[in-house]
């Protein structure tokens, strides 16, 4: 049975469609700013260490059911950390399935990047802008921290 959701990098055609979703968690973000962020990520075409990335979850008919923005950075307490300031899942009847598909994708990315911890920022209206403020990233007292199994190669 094929997966219910496909997870892939955001495309240029999805930028404006995803704006209302992102606006739910970043209310001060203007559409032009969202376009600028997405276009920079799309044009970069390589996943640079520490750079934001955006993935979209679509259902079998191509409708967007989720979005998340993330990056891998070194945290003073946790070491390599997959930081997720934007995580939105929508569905009339399967929010849990959309969330699970996105989280599975993020766990795989975290594992591949040797991140022992993934942080999904809590529900809020300014998570993206908070991640850009000096000192906010280094805090350890916000968001949901998820341990990631990492094979260290030790017996």
N, C-alpha and C. Protein backbone atom coordinates (compact mmCIF):
# COMPACT_ATOMS: atom_id res chain seq x y z
N UNK A 1 0.84 -1.18 0.00
CA UNK A 1 0.00 0.00 0.00
C UNK A 1 0.88 1.24 0.00
N UNK A 2 0.68 2.15 -0.92
CA UNK A 2 1.52 3.34 -0.98
C UNK A 2 1.28 4.24 0.23
N UNK A 3 2.30 5.04 0.56
CA UNK A 3 2.18 5.96 1.68
C UNK A 3 1.05 6.95 1.44
N UNK A 4 0.38 7.33 2.51
CA UNK A 4 -0.75 8.26 2.40
C UNK A 4 -0.29 9.67 2.04
N UNK A 5 0.94 10.01 2.41
CA UNK A 5 1.45 11.36 2.19
C UNK A 5 2.84 11.31 1.59
N UNK A 6 3.10 12.25 0.71
CA UNK A 6 4.41 12.41 0.11
C UNK A 6 5.05 13.63 0.75
N UNK A 7 6.30 13.48 1.15
CA UNK A 7 7.04 14.58 1.76
C UNK A 7 8.13 14.99 0.78
N UNK A 8 8.16 16.27 0.43
CA UNK A 8 9.14 16.77 -0.54
C UNK A 8 9.46 18.23 -0.26
N UNK A 9 10.58 18.67 -0.81
CA UNK A 9 10.96 20.08 -0.69
C UNK A 9 9.86 20.96 -1.29
N UNK A 10 9.70 22.14 -0.75
CA UNK A 10 8.71 23.08 -1.27
C UNK A 10 9.09 23.46 -2.70
N UNK A 11 8.08 23.65 -3.54
CA UNK A 11 8.31 24.09 -4.92
C UNK A 11 7.81 25.52 -5.07
N UNK A 12 8.20 26.16 -6.14
CA UNK A 12 7.78 27.54 -6.39
C UNK A 12 6.27 27.66 -6.46
N UNK A 13 5.61 26.65 -7.00
CA UNK A 13 4.15 26.68 -7.13
C UNK A 13 3.44 26.58 -5.78
N UNK A 14 4.13 26.11 -4.77
CA UNK A 14 3.51 25.92 -3.46
C UNK A 14 3.71 27.09 -2.50
N UNK A 15 4.50 28.05 -2.89
CA UNK A 15 4.82 29.15 -1.97
C UNK A 15 3.58 29.90 -1.52
N UNK A 16 2.81 30.41 -2.45
CA UNK A 16 1.64 31.21 -2.08
C UNK A 16 0.56 30.36 -1.42
N UNK A 17 0.43 29.11 -1.84
CA UNK A 17 -0.58 28.22 -1.27
C UNK A 17 -0.28 27.92 0.20
N UNK A 18 1.00 27.85 0.57
CA UNK A 18 1.37 27.52 1.95
C UNK A 18 1.37 28.73 2.87
N UNK A 19 1.34 29.91 2.31
CA UNK A 19 1.38 31.11 3.14
C UNK A 19 0.30 31.14 4.23
N UNK A 20 -0.97 30.84 3.92
CA UNK A 20 -1.98 30.87 5.00
C UNK A 20 -1.68 29.87 6.13
N UNK A 21 -1.07 28.75 5.81
CA UNK A 21 -0.71 27.78 6.85
C UNK A 21 0.36 28.35 7.77
N UNK A 22 1.38 28.94 7.17
CA UNK A 22 2.48 29.49 7.94
C UNK A 22 2.03 30.71 8.74
N UNK A 23 1.12 31.44 8.18
CA UNK A 23 0.61 32.64 8.84
C UNK A 23 -0.06 32.29 10.18
N UNK A 24 -0.55 31.07 10.33
CA UNK A 24 -1.13 30.63 11.60
C UNK A 24 -0.12 30.60 12.73
N UNK A 25 1.13 30.33 12.42
CA UNK A 25 2.16 30.25 13.46
C UNK A 25 3.14 31.43 13.41
N UNK A 26 3.02 32.26 12.43
CA UNK A 26 3.89 33.45 12.30
C UNK A 26 3.04 34.59 11.77
N UNK A 27 2.22 35.15 12.65
CA UNK A 27 1.20 36.11 12.24
C UNK A 27 1.75 37.41 11.69
N UNK A 28 2.92 37.80 12.08
CA UNK A 28 3.49 39.06 11.59
C UNK A 28 4.14 38.91 10.22
N UNK A 29 4.30 37.69 9.74
CA UNK A 29 4.97 37.43 8.47
C UNK A 29 4.10 37.90 7.30
N UNK A 30 4.66 38.73 6.47
CA UNK A 30 3.96 39.21 5.28
C UNK A 30 4.18 38.22 4.13
N UNK A 31 3.26 38.21 3.19
CA UNK A 31 3.36 37.27 2.08
C UNK A 31 4.63 37.49 1.27
N UNK A 32 5.02 38.74 1.08
CA UNK A 32 6.25 39.03 0.33
C UNK A 32 7.47 38.47 1.06
N UNK A 33 7.47 38.53 2.38
CA UNK A 33 8.58 37.98 3.17
C UNK A 33 8.62 36.46 3.03
N UNK A 34 7.44 35.82 3.08
CA UNK A 34 7.37 34.38 2.91
C UNK A 34 7.91 33.97 1.54
N UNK A 35 7.51 34.70 0.50
CA UNK A 35 8.01 34.40 -0.84
C UNK A 35 9.53 34.50 -0.88
N UNK A 36 10.05 35.55 -0.28
CA UNK A 36 11.50 35.77 -0.27
C UNK A 36 12.23 34.62 0.42
N UNK A 37 11.72 34.20 1.57
CA UNK A 37 12.32 33.08 2.31
C UNK A 37 12.31 31.82 1.46
N UNK A 38 11.15 31.49 0.91
CA UNK A 38 11.01 30.26 0.11
C UNK A 38 11.85 30.30 -1.15
N UNK A 39 11.82 31.41 -1.85
CA UNK A 39 12.60 31.51 -3.09
C UNK A 39 14.09 31.37 -2.82
N UNK A 40 14.57 31.92 -1.72
CA UNK A 40 15.99 31.77 -1.37
C UNK A 40 16.34 30.31 -1.13
N UNK A 41 15.45 29.60 -0.44
CA UNK A 41 15.68 28.18 -0.17
C UNK A 41 15.65 27.38 -1.47
N UNK A 42 14.68 27.63 -2.32
CA UNK A 42 14.56 26.91 -3.59
C UNK A 42 15.75 27.20 -4.50
N UNK A 43 16.16 28.44 -4.59
CA UNK A 43 17.27 28.81 -5.47
C UNK A 43 18.61 28.27 -4.98
N UNK A 44 18.72 28.05 -3.68
CA UNK A 44 19.97 27.57 -3.11
C UNK A 44 20.30 26.18 -3.64
N UNK A 45 19.29 25.32 -3.81
CA UNK A 45 19.40 23.99 -4.39
C UNK A 45 20.35 23.04 -3.68
N UNK A 46 21.03 23.49 -2.68
CA UNK A 46 21.85 22.60 -1.86
C UNK A 46 21.46 22.85 -0.41
N UNK A 47 21.59 21.82 0.40
CA UNK A 47 21.23 21.95 1.81
C UNK A 47 22.47 22.26 2.62
N UNK A 48 22.74 23.54 2.76
CA UNK A 48 23.91 23.98 3.51
C UNK A 48 23.69 23.75 4.99
N UNK A 49 24.74 23.42 5.70
CA UNK A 49 24.64 23.21 7.14
C UNK A 49 24.13 24.49 7.80
N UNK A 50 23.15 24.34 8.65
CA UNK A 50 22.60 25.47 9.38
C UNK A 50 21.58 26.29 8.62
N UNK A 51 21.36 25.98 7.35
CA UNK A 51 20.41 26.76 6.54
C UNK A 51 19.00 26.18 6.67
N UNK A 52 18.01 27.06 6.65
CA UNK A 52 16.63 26.61 6.70
C UNK A 52 16.26 25.80 5.47
N UNK A 53 15.41 24.81 5.70
CA UNK A 53 14.83 24.01 4.63
C UNK A 53 13.33 23.92 4.90
N UNK A 54 12.56 23.70 3.86
CA UNK A 54 11.11 23.59 4.01
C UNK A 54 10.65 22.36 3.25
N UNK A 55 9.84 21.52 3.93
CA UNK A 55 9.23 20.38 3.27
C UNK A 55 7.71 20.48 3.40
N UNK A 56 7.05 19.89 2.41
CA UNK A 56 5.59 19.90 2.32
C UNK A 56 5.09 18.46 2.33
N UNK A 57 3.99 18.23 3.02
CA UNK A 57 3.30 16.94 2.97
C UNK A 57 2.09 17.10 2.07
N UNK A 58 1.99 16.26 1.05
CA UNK A 58 0.82 16.29 0.16
C UNK A 58 0.14 14.93 0.20
N UNK A 59 -1.16 14.94 0.01
CA UNK A 59 -1.90 13.68 -0.03
C UNK A 59 -1.84 13.11 -1.45
N UNK A 60 -2.51 11.99 -1.67
CA UNK A 60 -2.45 11.30 -2.97
C UNK A 60 -2.97 12.15 -4.11
N UNK A 61 -3.87 13.08 -3.82
CA UNK A 61 -4.44 13.93 -4.87
C UNK A 61 -3.66 15.22 -5.05
N UNK A 62 -2.57 15.39 -4.30
CA UNK A 62 -1.71 16.56 -4.46
C UNK A 62 -2.03 17.74 -3.57
N UNK A 63 -3.03 17.59 -2.70
CA UNK A 63 -3.37 18.71 -1.80
C UNK A 63 -2.37 18.79 -0.66
N UNK A 64 -1.99 19.99 -0.31
CA UNK A 64 -1.04 20.22 0.77
C UNK A 64 -1.73 19.95 2.10
N UNK A 65 -1.10 19.11 2.91
CA UNK A 65 -1.66 18.75 4.22
C UNK A 65 -0.73 19.09 5.36
N UNK A 66 0.47 19.58 5.05
CA UNK A 66 1.39 19.95 6.12
C UNK A 66 2.62 20.63 5.58
N UNK A 67 3.27 21.35 6.47
CA UNK A 67 4.50 22.07 6.12
C UNK A 67 5.38 22.14 7.36
N UNK A 68 6.67 22.03 7.16
CA UNK A 68 7.59 22.34 8.26
C UNK A 68 8.87 22.94 7.72
N UNK A 69 9.39 23.85 8.53
CA UNK A 69 10.67 24.47 8.27
C UNK A 69 11.63 23.97 9.34
N UNK A 70 12.84 23.65 8.94
CA UNK A 70 13.81 23.11 9.90
C UNK A 70 15.22 23.47 9.46
N UNK A 71 16.13 23.26 10.38
CA UNK A 71 17.56 23.40 10.09
C UNK A 71 18.34 22.62 11.12
N UNK A 72 19.53 22.24 10.78
CA UNK A 72 20.43 21.57 11.70
C UNK A 72 21.47 22.58 12.16
N UNK A 73 21.57 22.69 13.48
CA UNK A 73 22.56 23.59 14.05
C UNK A 73 23.15 22.97 15.30
N UNK A 74 24.29 23.46 15.69
CA UNK A 74 24.93 22.99 16.91
C UNK A 74 24.39 23.77 18.10
N UNK A 75 23.85 23.06 19.06
CA UNK A 75 23.27 23.66 20.26
C UNK A 75 24.26 23.46 21.41
N UNK A 76 24.44 24.47 22.28
CA UNK A 76 25.43 24.34 23.35
C UNK A 76 25.14 23.21 24.34
N UNK A 77 23.88 22.83 24.49
CA UNK A 77 23.54 21.77 25.44
C UNK A 77 23.36 20.41 24.78
N UNK A 78 22.81 20.37 23.58
CA UNK A 78 22.44 19.12 22.93
C UNK A 78 23.34 18.70 21.78
N UNK A 79 24.29 19.52 21.41
CA UNK A 79 25.12 19.20 20.26
C UNK A 79 24.32 19.44 18.98
N UNK A 80 24.50 18.58 17.98
CA UNK A 80 23.76 18.74 16.73
C UNK A 80 22.27 18.57 17.01
N UNK A 81 21.50 19.55 16.57
CA UNK A 81 20.07 19.59 16.87
C UNK A 81 19.30 19.89 15.60
N UNK A 82 18.25 19.13 15.34
CA UNK A 82 17.34 19.45 14.25
C UNK A 82 16.28 20.37 14.85
N UNK A 83 16.31 21.62 14.47
CA UNK A 83 15.44 22.66 15.03
C UNK A 83 14.28 22.90 14.08
N UNK A 84 13.04 22.81 14.56
CA UNK A 84 11.84 22.90 13.73
C UNK A 84 10.95 24.03 14.24
N UNK A 85 11.14 25.27 13.76
CA UNK A 85 10.32 26.37 14.24
C UNK A 85 8.91 26.41 13.65
N UNK A 86 8.72 25.78 12.49
CA UNK A 86 7.40 25.75 11.87
C UNK A 86 7.01 24.30 11.61
N UNK A 87 5.88 23.91 12.19
CA UNK A 87 5.33 22.57 12.00
C UNK A 87 3.82 22.72 11.98
N UNK A 88 3.22 22.53 10.81
CA UNK A 88 1.77 22.68 10.67
C UNK A 88 1.24 21.46 9.92
N UNK A 89 0.25 20.81 10.52
CA UNK A 89 -0.44 19.69 9.88
C UNK A 89 -1.92 20.01 9.84
N UNK A 90 -2.54 19.83 8.66
CA UNK A 90 -3.97 20.10 8.53
C UNK A 90 -4.64 18.95 7.80
N UNK A 91 -5.85 18.66 8.22
CA UNK A 91 -6.63 17.62 7.56
C UNK A 91 -8.00 17.62 8.20
N UNK A 92 -9.00 17.30 7.41
CA UNK A 92 -10.35 17.18 7.95
C UNK A 92 -10.49 15.95 8.83
N UNK A 93 -9.67 14.92 8.59
CA UNK A 93 -9.84 13.70 9.36
C UNK A 93 -8.58 12.94 9.69
N UNK A 94 -7.40 13.49 9.35
CA UNK A 94 -6.17 12.72 9.57
C UNK A 94 -4.99 13.60 9.97
N UNK A 95 -5.21 14.50 10.90
CA UNK A 95 -4.10 15.34 11.37
C UNK A 95 -2.99 14.47 11.95
N UNK A 96 -3.37 13.41 12.66
CA UNK A 96 -2.37 12.51 13.25
C UNK A 96 -1.53 11.85 12.16
N UNK A 97 -2.15 11.43 11.07
CA UNK A 97 -1.40 10.80 9.98
C UNK A 97 -0.45 11.76 9.29
N UNK A 98 -0.90 12.99 9.07
CA UNK A 98 -0.04 14.02 8.47
C UNK A 98 1.14 14.30 9.40
N UNK A 99 0.84 14.50 10.68
CA UNK A 99 1.89 14.77 11.66
C UNK A 99 2.90 13.64 11.72
N UNK A 100 2.41 12.41 11.73
CA UNK A 100 3.29 11.25 11.78
C UNK A 100 4.20 11.19 10.55
N UNK A 101 3.65 11.46 9.38
CA UNK A 101 4.46 11.44 8.15
C UNK A 101 5.56 12.49 8.21
N UNK A 102 5.21 13.70 8.64
CA UNK A 102 6.21 14.76 8.76
C UNK A 102 7.25 14.43 9.82
N UNK A 103 6.80 13.94 10.98
CA UNK A 103 7.75 13.60 12.05
C UNK A 103 8.66 12.45 11.64
N UNK A 104 8.14 11.46 10.94
CA UNK A 104 8.99 10.36 10.45
C UNK A 104 10.08 10.90 9.53
N UNK A 105 9.69 11.81 8.64
CA UNK A 105 10.66 12.42 7.72
C UNK A 105 11.73 13.18 8.51
N UNK A 106 11.28 13.97 9.49
CA UNK A 106 12.23 14.75 10.29
C UNK A 106 13.14 13.85 11.12
N UNK A 107 12.60 12.77 11.67
CA UNK A 107 13.43 11.83 12.44
C UNK A 107 14.52 11.22 11.56
N UNK A 108 14.15 10.86 10.34
CA UNK A 108 15.13 10.30 9.41
C UNK A 108 16.22 11.32 9.11
N UNK A 109 15.82 12.56 8.84
CA UNK A 109 16.81 13.61 8.58
C UNK A 109 17.72 13.81 9.79
N UNK A 110 17.12 13.86 10.98
CA UNK A 110 17.91 14.05 12.20
C UNK A 110 18.90 12.91 12.37
N UNK A 111 18.44 11.69 12.17
CA UNK A 111 19.32 10.53 12.28
C UNK A 111 20.48 10.62 11.28
N UNK A 112 20.16 10.95 10.04
CA UNK A 112 21.18 11.05 8.99
C UNK A 112 22.20 12.15 9.27
N UNK A 113 21.77 13.19 9.98
CA UNK A 113 22.66 14.30 10.30
C UNK A 113 23.33 14.13 11.67
N UNK A 114 23.15 12.96 12.27
CA UNK A 114 23.73 12.64 13.58
C UNK A 114 23.24 13.57 14.69
N UNK A 115 21.99 13.99 14.59
CA UNK A 115 21.37 14.81 15.64
C UNK A 115 20.79 13.88 16.69
N UNK A 116 21.14 14.08 17.92
CA UNK A 116 20.59 13.26 19.00
C UNK A 116 19.24 13.79 19.48
N UNK A 117 18.97 15.05 19.15
CA UNK A 117 17.73 15.68 19.60
C UNK A 117 17.11 16.47 18.45
N UNK A 118 15.78 16.43 18.41
CA UNK A 118 15.00 17.25 17.49
C UNK A 118 14.11 18.13 18.37
N UNK A 119 14.07 19.42 18.07
CA UNK A 119 13.21 20.33 18.83
C UNK A 119 12.14 20.89 17.90
N UNK A 120 10.88 20.62 18.25
CA UNK A 120 9.74 21.20 17.55
C UNK A 120 9.22 22.30 18.45
N UNK A 121 9.31 23.54 17.96
CA UNK A 121 8.89 24.67 18.77
C UNK A 121 7.41 24.56 19.09
N UNK A 122 7.04 24.98 20.26
CA UNK A 122 5.65 24.92 20.70
C UNK A 122 4.74 25.81 19.88
N UNK A 123 3.45 25.58 20.05
CA UNK A 123 2.49 26.43 19.37
C UNK A 123 2.68 27.87 19.82
N UNK A 124 2.75 28.74 18.89
CA UNK A 124 2.93 30.15 19.19
C UNK A 124 2.74 30.94 17.93
N UNK A 125 2.73 32.23 18.08
CA UNK A 125 2.46 33.09 16.94
C UNK A 125 3.73 33.73 16.38
N UNK A 126 4.88 33.36 16.87
CA UNK A 126 6.10 34.04 16.41
C UNK A 126 7.33 33.15 16.45
N UNK A 127 7.16 31.86 16.26
CA UNK A 127 8.29 30.95 16.39
C UNK A 127 9.42 31.23 15.40
N UNK A 128 9.08 31.50 14.15
CA UNK A 128 10.13 31.76 13.16
C UNK A 128 10.92 33.00 13.53
N UNK A 129 10.24 34.08 13.85
CA UNK A 129 10.96 35.31 14.20
C UNK A 129 11.76 35.13 15.50
N UNK A 130 11.25 34.32 16.43
CA UNK A 130 11.99 34.06 17.67
C UNK A 130 13.29 33.33 17.39
N UNK A 131 13.28 32.42 16.43
CA UNK A 131 14.51 31.67 16.14
C UNK A 131 15.60 32.58 15.60
N UNK A 132 15.21 33.71 15.07
CA UNK A 132 16.18 34.65 14.50
C UNK A 132 16.74 35.61 15.53
N UNK A 133 16.11 35.70 16.70
CA UNK A 133 16.59 36.60 17.75
C UNK A 133 17.80 36.01 18.45
N UNK A 134 18.73 36.89 18.77
CA UNK A 134 19.95 36.46 19.45
C UNK A 134 19.60 35.77 20.77
N UNK A 135 20.19 34.61 20.98
CA UNK A 135 20.02 33.88 22.23
C UNK A 135 18.82 32.94 22.28
N UNK A 136 17.83 33.11 21.42
CA UNK A 136 16.64 32.25 21.47
C UNK A 136 16.95 30.82 21.08
N UNK A 137 17.79 30.64 20.07
CA UNK A 137 18.12 29.28 19.64
C UNK A 137 18.77 28.49 20.77
N UNK A 138 19.66 29.12 21.52
CA UNK A 138 20.42 28.43 22.56
C UNK A 138 19.59 28.04 23.78
N UNK A 139 18.43 28.63 23.93
CA UNK A 139 17.59 28.28 25.08
C UNK A 139 17.20 26.82 25.02
N UNK A 140 16.97 26.23 26.17
CA UNK A 140 16.60 24.82 26.22
C UNK A 140 15.21 24.61 26.82
N UNK A 141 14.55 25.70 27.21
CA UNK A 141 13.31 25.59 27.97
C UNK A 141 12.04 25.85 27.15
N UNK A 142 12.10 25.61 25.87
CA UNK A 142 10.89 25.77 25.06
C UNK A 142 10.89 24.74 23.93
N UNK A 143 9.69 24.45 23.46
CA UNK A 143 9.55 23.47 22.40
C UNK A 143 9.49 22.06 22.94
N UNK A 144 9.13 21.16 22.06
CA UNK A 144 9.07 19.74 22.38
C UNK A 144 10.39 19.11 21.94
N UNK A 145 11.11 18.52 22.88
CA UNK A 145 12.39 17.88 22.58
C UNK A 145 12.15 16.39 22.37
N UNK A 146 12.61 15.90 21.23
CA UNK A 146 12.42 14.50 20.85
C UNK A 146 13.80 13.87 20.70
N UNK A 147 14.04 12.79 21.44
CA UNK A 147 15.31 12.07 21.28
C UNK A 147 15.31 11.33 19.96
N UNK A 148 16.47 11.30 19.34
CA UNK A 148 16.64 10.61 18.07
C UNK A 148 17.69 9.54 18.25
N UNK A 149 17.37 8.32 17.85
CA UNK A 149 18.35 7.24 17.92
C UNK A 149 19.41 7.46 16.86
N UNK A 150 20.65 7.55 17.31
CA UNK A 150 21.77 7.76 16.39
C UNK A 150 22.75 6.63 16.57
N UNK A 151 23.10 5.98 15.47
CA UNK A 151 24.07 4.91 15.51
C UNK A 151 25.45 5.53 15.58
N UNK A 152 26.10 5.39 16.71
CA UNK A 152 27.43 5.98 16.89
C UNK A 152 28.55 5.10 16.36
N UNK A 153 28.19 3.87 15.98
CA UNK A 153 29.22 2.96 15.47
C UNK A 153 29.94 2.21 16.57
N UNK A 154 29.64 2.54 17.85
CA UNK A 154 30.27 1.84 18.98
C UNK A 154 29.57 0.50 19.20
N UNK A 155 30.34 -0.54 19.56
CA UNK A 155 29.71 -1.85 19.82
C UNK A 155 28.88 -1.84 21.08
